[in-house]
Amino acid sequence: MIQRIQSLYLLISALLSLVVSIVTLIGYYTFNIWILAISLSVSILSAYTIFIYNNRQRQIMLCHILVIMNVVFTLCLSYFLRADGVSLNDSFSLKQFIMLLPILCLLLTNLAKKGIKKDEDLVRSADRLR
């Protein structure tokens, strides 16, 4: 159900984590299986969360899991890029941009969770009026 704004947030989050997976596979920076596994799992779980729009409680639960996974993803990516020699004090590069993508995924997942919660509250209030 793509017409809901939270579905668009989750879709963009899935695409951003897929970009990190592709950059990892291309080998722009040191290949690490953990970064690849976490980024692919975040993108697959985000896509799955879009398609279970009938069960909003499960969507909210999966968004909580996605937030935790995105935090772990951000920490792993920053650790491995830091070990690769990337510093935030350097001039802006693609590696630093890649480091920002999990943070954007985290923000988009939180926005999607808020939208799903708002939909659930709306449905519950409509059920109460009947």
N, C-alpha and C. Protein backbone atom coordinates (compact mmCIF):
# COMPACT_ATOMS: atom_id res chain seq x y z
N MET A 1 0.86 -1.16 0.00
CA MET A 1 0.00 0.00 0.00
C MET A 1 0.91 1.24 0.00
N ILE A 2 1.29 1.66 -1.19
CA ILE A 2 2.27 2.72 -1.33
C ILE A 2 1.67 4.11 -1.11
N GLN A 3 0.34 4.26 -1.16
CA GLN A 3 -0.23 5.60 -1.02
C GLN A 3 -0.13 6.14 0.40
N ARG A 4 0.21 5.34 1.36
CA ARG A 4 0.41 5.83 2.72
C ARG A 4 1.82 6.40 2.85
N ILE A 5 1.95 7.51 3.55
CA ILE A 5 3.23 8.19 3.64
C ILE A 5 4.27 7.34 4.37
N GLN A 6 3.81 6.55 5.36
CA GLN A 6 4.77 5.71 6.07
C GLN A 6 5.33 4.62 5.17
N SER A 7 4.56 4.20 4.18
CA SER A 7 5.08 3.22 3.23
C SER A 7 6.18 3.84 2.38
N LEU A 8 6.03 5.10 2.03
CA LEU A 8 7.09 5.78 1.29
C LEU A 8 8.34 5.95 2.14
N TYR A 9 8.15 6.26 3.42
CA TYR A 9 9.30 6.37 4.32
C TYR A 9 10.05 5.04 4.39
N LEU A 10 9.31 3.95 4.53
CA LEU A 10 9.95 2.63 4.62
C LEU A 10 10.61 2.24 3.30
N LEU A 11 9.99 2.61 2.18
CA LEU A 11 10.58 2.31 0.87
C LEU A 11 11.89 3.06 0.68
N ILE A 12 11.92 4.33 1.03
CA ILE A 12 13.15 5.12 0.92
C ILE A 12 14.22 4.56 1.85
N SER A 13 13.82 4.16 3.04
CA SER A 13 14.77 3.55 3.98
C SER A 13 15.36 2.27 3.41
N ALA A 14 14.51 1.45 2.80
CA ALA A 14 15.00 0.21 2.19
C ALA A 14 15.97 0.50 1.05
N LEU A 15 15.65 1.49 0.25
CA LEU A 15 16.52 1.83 -0.87
C LEU A 15 17.87 2.39 -0.40
N LEU A 16 17.85 3.19 0.65
CA LEU A 16 19.10 3.74 1.17
C LEU A 16 20.01 2.65 1.74
N SER A 17 19.42 1.71 2.45
CA SER A 17 20.26 0.63 2.98
C SER A 17 20.71 -0.30 1.86
N LEU A 18 19.93 -0.39 0.79
CA LEU A 18 20.36 -1.17 -0.38
C LEU A 18 21.53 -0.49 -1.08
N VAL A 19 21.55 0.83 -1.08
CA VAL A 19 22.69 1.57 -1.65
C VAL A 19 23.96 1.24 -0.89
N VAL A 20 23.87 1.17 0.43
CA VAL A 20 25.05 0.81 1.24
C VAL A 20 25.50 -0.61 0.90
N SER A 21 24.54 -1.52 0.68
CA SER A 21 24.88 -2.89 0.30
C SER A 21 25.61 -2.93 -1.03
N ILE A 22 25.13 -2.15 -1.98
CA ILE A 22 25.75 -2.13 -3.31
C ILE A 22 27.15 -1.54 -3.24
N VAL A 23 27.31 -0.47 -2.47
CA VAL A 23 28.64 0.13 -2.32
C VAL A 23 29.59 -0.85 -1.64
N THR A 24 29.06 -1.63 -0.69
CA THR A 24 29.89 -2.64 -0.03
C THR A 24 30.30 -3.72 -1.02
N LEU A 25 29.36 -4.16 -1.85
CA LEU A 25 29.68 -5.21 -2.82
C LEU A 25 30.65 -4.72 -3.89
N ILE A 26 30.50 -3.48 -4.32
CA ILE A 26 31.40 -2.93 -5.33
C ILE A 26 32.82 -2.86 -4.78
N GLY A 27 32.91 -2.64 -3.46
CA GLY A 27 34.22 -2.63 -2.83
C GLY A 27 34.85 -1.26 -2.79
N TYR A 28 34.00 -0.22 -2.71
CA TYR A 28 34.56 1.13 -2.63
C TYR A 28 35.39 1.31 -1.37
N TYR A 29 34.99 0.67 -0.31
CA TYR A 29 35.80 0.65 0.89
C TYR A 29 36.00 -0.80 1.30
N THR A 30 36.70 -1.04 2.36
CA THR A 30 37.05 -2.38 2.78
C THR A 30 35.79 -3.23 2.94
N PHE A 31 35.74 -4.35 2.25
CA PHE A 31 34.58 -5.23 2.29
C PHE A 31 34.45 -5.84 3.68
N ASN A 32 33.25 -5.79 4.19
CA ASN A 32 32.98 -6.38 5.49
C ASN A 32 31.63 -7.09 5.43
N ILE A 33 31.63 -8.34 5.80
CA ILE A 33 30.42 -9.15 5.71
C ILE A 33 29.34 -8.67 6.68
N TRP A 34 29.76 -8.09 7.81
CA TRP A 34 28.78 -7.61 8.79
C TRP A 34 27.98 -6.43 8.26
N ILE A 35 28.66 -5.51 7.61
CA ILE A 35 27.97 -4.35 7.04
C ILE A 35 27.01 -4.82 5.96
N LEU A 36 27.46 -5.74 5.13
CA LEU A 36 26.61 -6.27 4.06
C LEU A 36 25.39 -6.99 4.64
N ALA A 37 25.60 -7.82 5.65
CA ALA A 37 24.49 -8.57 6.24
C ALA A 37 23.47 -7.66 6.91
N ILE A 38 23.94 -6.69 7.67
CA ILE A 38 23.02 -5.79 8.36
C ILE A 38 22.27 -4.92 7.37
N SER A 39 22.97 -4.39 6.36
CA SER A 39 22.29 -3.52 5.40
C SER A 39 21.26 -4.28 4.57
N LEU A 40 21.58 -5.51 4.19
CA LEU A 40 20.59 -6.31 3.45
C LEU A 40 19.40 -6.69 4.32
N SER A 41 19.66 -7.01 5.58
CA SER A 41 18.54 -7.37 6.46
C SER A 41 17.65 -6.16 6.76
N VAL A 42 18.24 -4.98 6.88
CA VAL A 42 17.44 -3.77 7.08
C VAL A 42 16.58 -3.50 5.85
N SER A 43 17.15 -3.63 4.68
CA SER A 43 16.36 -3.35 3.47
C SER A 43 15.26 -4.40 3.26
N ILE A 44 15.54 -5.66 3.53
CA ILE A 44 14.51 -6.70 3.38
C ILE A 44 13.41 -6.53 4.41
N LEU A 45 13.78 -6.24 5.65
CA LEU A 45 12.77 -6.06 6.70
C LEU A 45 11.93 -4.80 6.46
N SER A 46 12.53 -3.75 5.93
CA SER A 46 11.77 -2.55 5.59
C SER A 46 10.76 -2.83 4.49
N ALA A 47 11.20 -3.58 3.47
CA ALA A 47 10.28 -3.93 2.39
C ALA A 47 9.16 -4.84 2.89
N TYR A 48 9.48 -5.77 3.76
CA TYR A 48 8.45 -6.66 4.32
C TYR A 48 7.44 -5.87 5.15
N THR A 49 7.93 -4.88 5.89
CA THR A 49 7.05 -4.08 6.73
C THR A 49 6.04 -3.30 5.90
N ILE A 50 6.41 -2.91 4.69
CA ILE A 50 5.48 -2.21 3.82
C ILE A 50 4.28 -3.09 3.47
N PHE A 51 4.54 -4.36 3.22
CA PHE A 51 3.50 -5.24 2.68
C PHE A 51 2.63 -5.90 3.73
N ILE A 52 2.84 -5.62 4.99
CA ILE A 52 1.93 -6.16 6.01
C ILE A 52 1.07 -5.03 6.57
N TYR A 53 0.56 -4.20 5.67
CA TYR A 53 -0.20 -3.02 6.07
C TYR A 53 -1.51 -3.36 6.76
N ASN A 54 -1.99 -4.60 6.65
CA ASN A 54 -3.23 -4.98 7.33
C ASN A 54 -3.03 -5.16 8.83
N ASN A 55 -1.82 -5.44 9.25
CA ASN A 55 -1.53 -5.69 10.66
C ASN A 55 -0.63 -4.56 11.18
N ARG A 56 -1.26 -3.49 11.64
CA ARG A 56 -0.50 -2.31 12.07
C ARG A 56 0.30 -2.56 13.35
N GLN A 57 -0.19 -3.41 14.23
CA GLN A 57 0.57 -3.71 15.46
C GLN A 57 1.88 -4.40 15.12
N ARG A 58 1.84 -5.32 14.16
CA ARG A 58 3.07 -5.99 13.74
C ARG A 58 3.99 -5.00 13.02
N GLN A 59 3.42 -4.07 12.26
CA GLN A 59 4.24 -3.06 11.61
C GLN A 59 4.97 -2.20 12.64
N ILE A 60 4.27 -1.82 13.71
CA ILE A 60 4.90 -1.02 14.75
C ILE A 60 6.02 -1.81 15.42
N MET A 61 5.77 -3.09 15.68
CA MET A 61 6.80 -3.93 16.30
C MET A 61 8.02 -4.06 15.38
N LEU A 62 7.78 -4.26 14.09
CA LEU A 62 8.90 -4.37 13.15
C LEU A 62 9.64 -3.04 13.00
N CYS A 63 8.93 -1.94 13.13
CA CYS A 63 9.61 -0.63 13.10
C CYS A 63 10.51 -0.46 14.32
N HIS A 64 10.08 -0.96 15.47
CA HIS A 64 10.95 -0.94 16.65
C HIS A 64 12.21 -1.76 16.41
N ILE A 65 12.04 -2.93 15.81
CA ILE A 65 13.19 -3.78 15.49
C ILE A 65 14.09 -3.09 14.47
N LEU A 66 13.48 -2.43 13.48
CA LEU A 66 14.27 -1.71 12.47
C LEU A 66 15.07 -0.57 13.08
N VAL A 67 14.49 0.11 14.07
CA VAL A 67 15.23 1.18 14.74
C VAL A 67 16.46 0.62 15.42
N ILE A 68 16.30 -0.49 16.12
CA ILE A 68 17.44 -1.12 16.80
C ILE A 68 18.48 -1.58 15.78
N MET A 69 18.01 -2.18 14.69
CA MET A 69 18.94 -2.63 13.66
C MET A 69 19.66 -1.46 13.00
N ASN A 70 18.97 -0.34 12.81
CA ASN A 70 19.62 0.83 12.22
C ASN A 70 20.65 1.44 13.16
N VAL A 71 20.41 1.39 14.46
CA VAL A 71 21.41 1.88 15.41
C VAL A 71 22.65 0.99 15.36
N VAL A 72 22.44 -0.33 15.34
CA VAL A 72 23.57 -1.26 15.22
C VAL A 72 24.29 -1.06 13.90
N PHE A 73 23.52 -0.84 12.83
CA PHE A 73 24.07 -0.61 11.51
C PHE A 73 24.94 0.65 11.51
N THR A 74 24.46 1.72 12.12
CA THR A 74 25.22 2.96 12.18
C THR A 74 26.51 2.78 12.97
N LEU A 75 26.41 2.09 14.10
CA LEU A 75 27.61 1.86 14.92
C LEU A 75 28.63 0.99 14.20
N CYS A 76 28.17 -0.08 13.55
CA CYS A 76 29.10 -0.95 12.81
C CYS A 76 29.76 -0.21 11.66
N LEU A 77 28.94 0.53 10.92
CA LEU A 77 29.49 1.25 9.77
C LEU A 77 30.49 2.31 10.21
N SER A 78 30.17 3.04 11.26
CA SER A 78 31.12 4.06 11.72
C SER A 78 32.39 3.42 12.27
N TYR A 79 32.26 2.28 12.96
CA TYR A 79 33.44 1.60 13.48
C TYR A 79 34.35 1.11 12.35
N PHE A 80 33.76 0.46 11.35
CA PHE A 80 34.57 -0.10 10.28
C PHE A 80 35.12 0.99 9.36
N LEU A 81 34.37 2.07 9.17
CA LEU A 81 34.92 3.16 8.36
C LEU A 81 36.01 3.89 9.12
N ARG A 82 35.85 3.99 10.43
CA ARG A 82 36.89 4.61 11.25
C ARG A 82 38.16 3.76 11.22
N ALA A 83 38.00 2.43 11.25
CA ALA A 83 39.14 1.53 11.15
C ALA A 83 39.78 1.61 9.76
N ASP A 84 38.96 2.00 8.77
CA ASP A 84 39.44 2.14 7.40
C ASP A 84 40.19 3.46 7.19
N GLY A 85 40.13 4.32 8.20
CA GLY A 85 40.88 5.57 8.10
C GLY A 85 40.04 6.78 7.75
N VAL A 86 38.74 6.66 7.79
CA VAL A 86 37.86 7.79 7.47
C VAL A 86 37.64 8.60 8.74
N SER A 87 37.82 9.90 8.63
CA SER A 87 37.62 10.79 9.77
C SER A 87 36.59 11.84 9.39
N LEU A 88 35.82 12.30 10.36
CA LEU A 88 34.83 13.34 10.08
C LEU A 88 35.49 14.71 9.87
N ASN A 89 36.75 14.84 10.22
CA ASN A 89 37.45 16.11 10.05
C ASN A 89 37.98 16.28 8.63
N ASP A 90 38.04 15.21 7.86
CA ASP A 90 38.52 15.29 6.49
C ASP A 90 37.51 16.04 5.63
N SER A 91 37.93 16.38 4.42
CA SER A 91 36.99 17.00 3.49
C SER A 91 35.90 15.98 3.13
N PHE A 92 34.74 16.47 2.77
CA PHE A 92 33.59 15.60 2.54
C PHE A 92 33.86 14.65 1.39
N SER A 93 33.60 13.36 1.63
CA SER A 93 33.84 12.36 0.61
C SER A 93 32.65 11.40 0.54
N LEU A 94 32.72 10.47 -0.38
CA LEU A 94 31.65 9.49 -0.53
C LEU A 94 31.56 8.59 0.70
N LYS A 95 32.69 8.29 1.31
CA LYS A 95 32.67 7.45 2.50
C LYS A 95 31.93 8.12 3.64
N GLN A 96 32.08 9.42 3.78
CA GLN A 96 31.35 10.13 4.82
C GLN A 96 29.86 10.20 4.49
N PHE A 97 29.54 10.32 3.21
CA PHE A 97 28.14 10.32 2.80
C PHE A 97 27.50 8.97 3.09
N ILE A 98 28.23 7.89 2.84
CA ILE A 98 27.73 6.54 3.14
C ILE A 98 27.50 6.39 4.64
N MET A 99 28.30 7.06 5.45
CA MET A 99 28.14 6.99 6.89
C MET A 99 26.83 7.66 7.34
N LEU A 100 26.34 8.61 6.57
CA LEU A 100 25.11 9.31 6.91
C LEU A 100 23.85 8.54 6.52
N LEU A 101 23.96 7.61 5.60
CA LEU A 101 22.77 6.89 5.12
C LEU A 101 22.04 6.09 6.20
N PRO A 102 22.74 5.36 7.08
CA PRO A 102 22.00 4.66 8.15
C PRO A 102 21.29 5.61 9.11
N ILE A 103 21.84 6.80 9.29
CA ILE A 103 21.18 7.78 10.15
C ILE A 103 19.89 8.26 9.48
N LEU A 104 19.93 8.45 8.16
CA LEU A 104 18.71 8.81 7.43
C LEU A 104 17.69 7.67 7.50
N CYS A 105 18.17 6.43 7.40
CA CYS A 105 17.27 5.28 7.53
C CYS A 105 16.61 5.25 8.90
N LEU A 106 17.37 5.57 9.92
CA LEU A 106 16.84 5.62 11.28
C LEU A 106 15.76 6.69 11.40
N LEU A 107 16.01 7.85 10.84
CA LEU A 107 15.04 8.94 10.87
C LEU A 107 13.77 8.56 10.11
N LEU A 108 13.92 7.99 8.94
CA LEU A 108 12.76 7.60 8.13
C LEU A 108 11.95 6.48 8.80
N THR A 109 12.62 5.57 9.46
CA THR A 109 11.91 4.50 10.16
C THR A 109 11.11 5.06 11.33
N ASN A 110 11.69 6.03 12.04
CA ASN A 110 10.95 6.66 13.13
C ASN A 110 9.73 7.42 12.61
N LEU A 111 9.87 8.10 11.48
CA LEU A 111 8.73 8.79 10.89
C LEU A 111 7.65 7.81 10.45
N ALA A 112 8.06 6.68 9.90
CA ALA A 112 7.09 5.66 9.50
C ALA A 112 6.37 5.09 10.70
N LYS A 113 7.11 4.85 11.78
CA LYS A 113 6.50 4.33 13.01
C LYS A 113 5.48 5.30 13.56
N LYS A 114 5.80 6.57 13.50
CA LYS A 114 4.87 7.60 13.98
C LYS A 114 3.61 7.63 13.12
N GLY A 115 3.76 7.49 11.80
CA GLY A 115 2.60 7.47 10.91
C GLY A 115 1.73 6.24 11.11
N ILE A 116 2.34 5.09 11.33
CA ILE A 116 1.59 3.86 11.57
C ILE A 116 0.83 3.97 12.89
N LYS A 117 1.48 4.53 13.89
CA LYS A 117 0.82 4.73 15.19
C LYS A 117 -0.37 5.67 15.06
N LYS A 118 -0.22 6.71 14.25
CA LYS A 118 -1.31 7.65 14.02
C LYS A 118 -2.49 6.96 13.32
N ASP A 119 -2.19 6.11 12.33
CA ASP A 119 -3.24 5.34 11.66
C ASP A 119 -3.96 4.42 12.64
N GLU A 120 -3.20 3.76 13.49
CA GLU A 120 -3.79 2.84 14.46
C GLU A 120 -4.69 3.59 15.44
N ASP A 121 -4.25 4.75 15.89
CA ASP A 121 -5.09 5.55 16.79
C ASP A 121 -6.36 6.02 16.10
N LEU A 122 -6.27 6.36 14.82
CA LEU A 122 -7.44 6.79 14.06
C LEU A 122 -8.44 5.65 13.92
N VAL A 123 -7.96 4.46 13.62
CA VAL A 123 -8.84 3.30 13.48
C VAL A 123 -9.50 2.96 14.81
N ARG A 124 -8.74 3.02 15.88
CA ARG A 124 -9.31 2.72 17.20
C ARG A 124 -10.36 3.74 17.61
N SER A 125 -10.14 5.00 17.28
CA SER A 125 -11.14 6.02 17.63
C SER A 125 -12.40 5.85 16.79
N ALA A 126 -12.25 5.41 15.53
CA ALA A 126 -13.41 5.18 14.68
C ALA A 126 -14.19 3.95 15.18
N ASP A 127 -13.50 2.94 15.67
CA ASP A 127 -14.18 1.77 16.22
C ASP A 127 -14.94 2.12 17.49
N ARG A 128 -14.41 3.05 18.23
CA ARG A 128 -15.05 3.45 19.47
C ARG A 128 -16.37 4.19 19.20
N LEU A 129 -16.45 4.91 18.07
CA LEU A 129 -17.65 5.68 17.75
C LEU A 129 -18.79 4.83 17.24
N ARG A 130 -18.49 3.65 16.72
CA ARG A 130 -19.55 2.80 16.16
C ARG A 130 -20.37 2.22 17.22
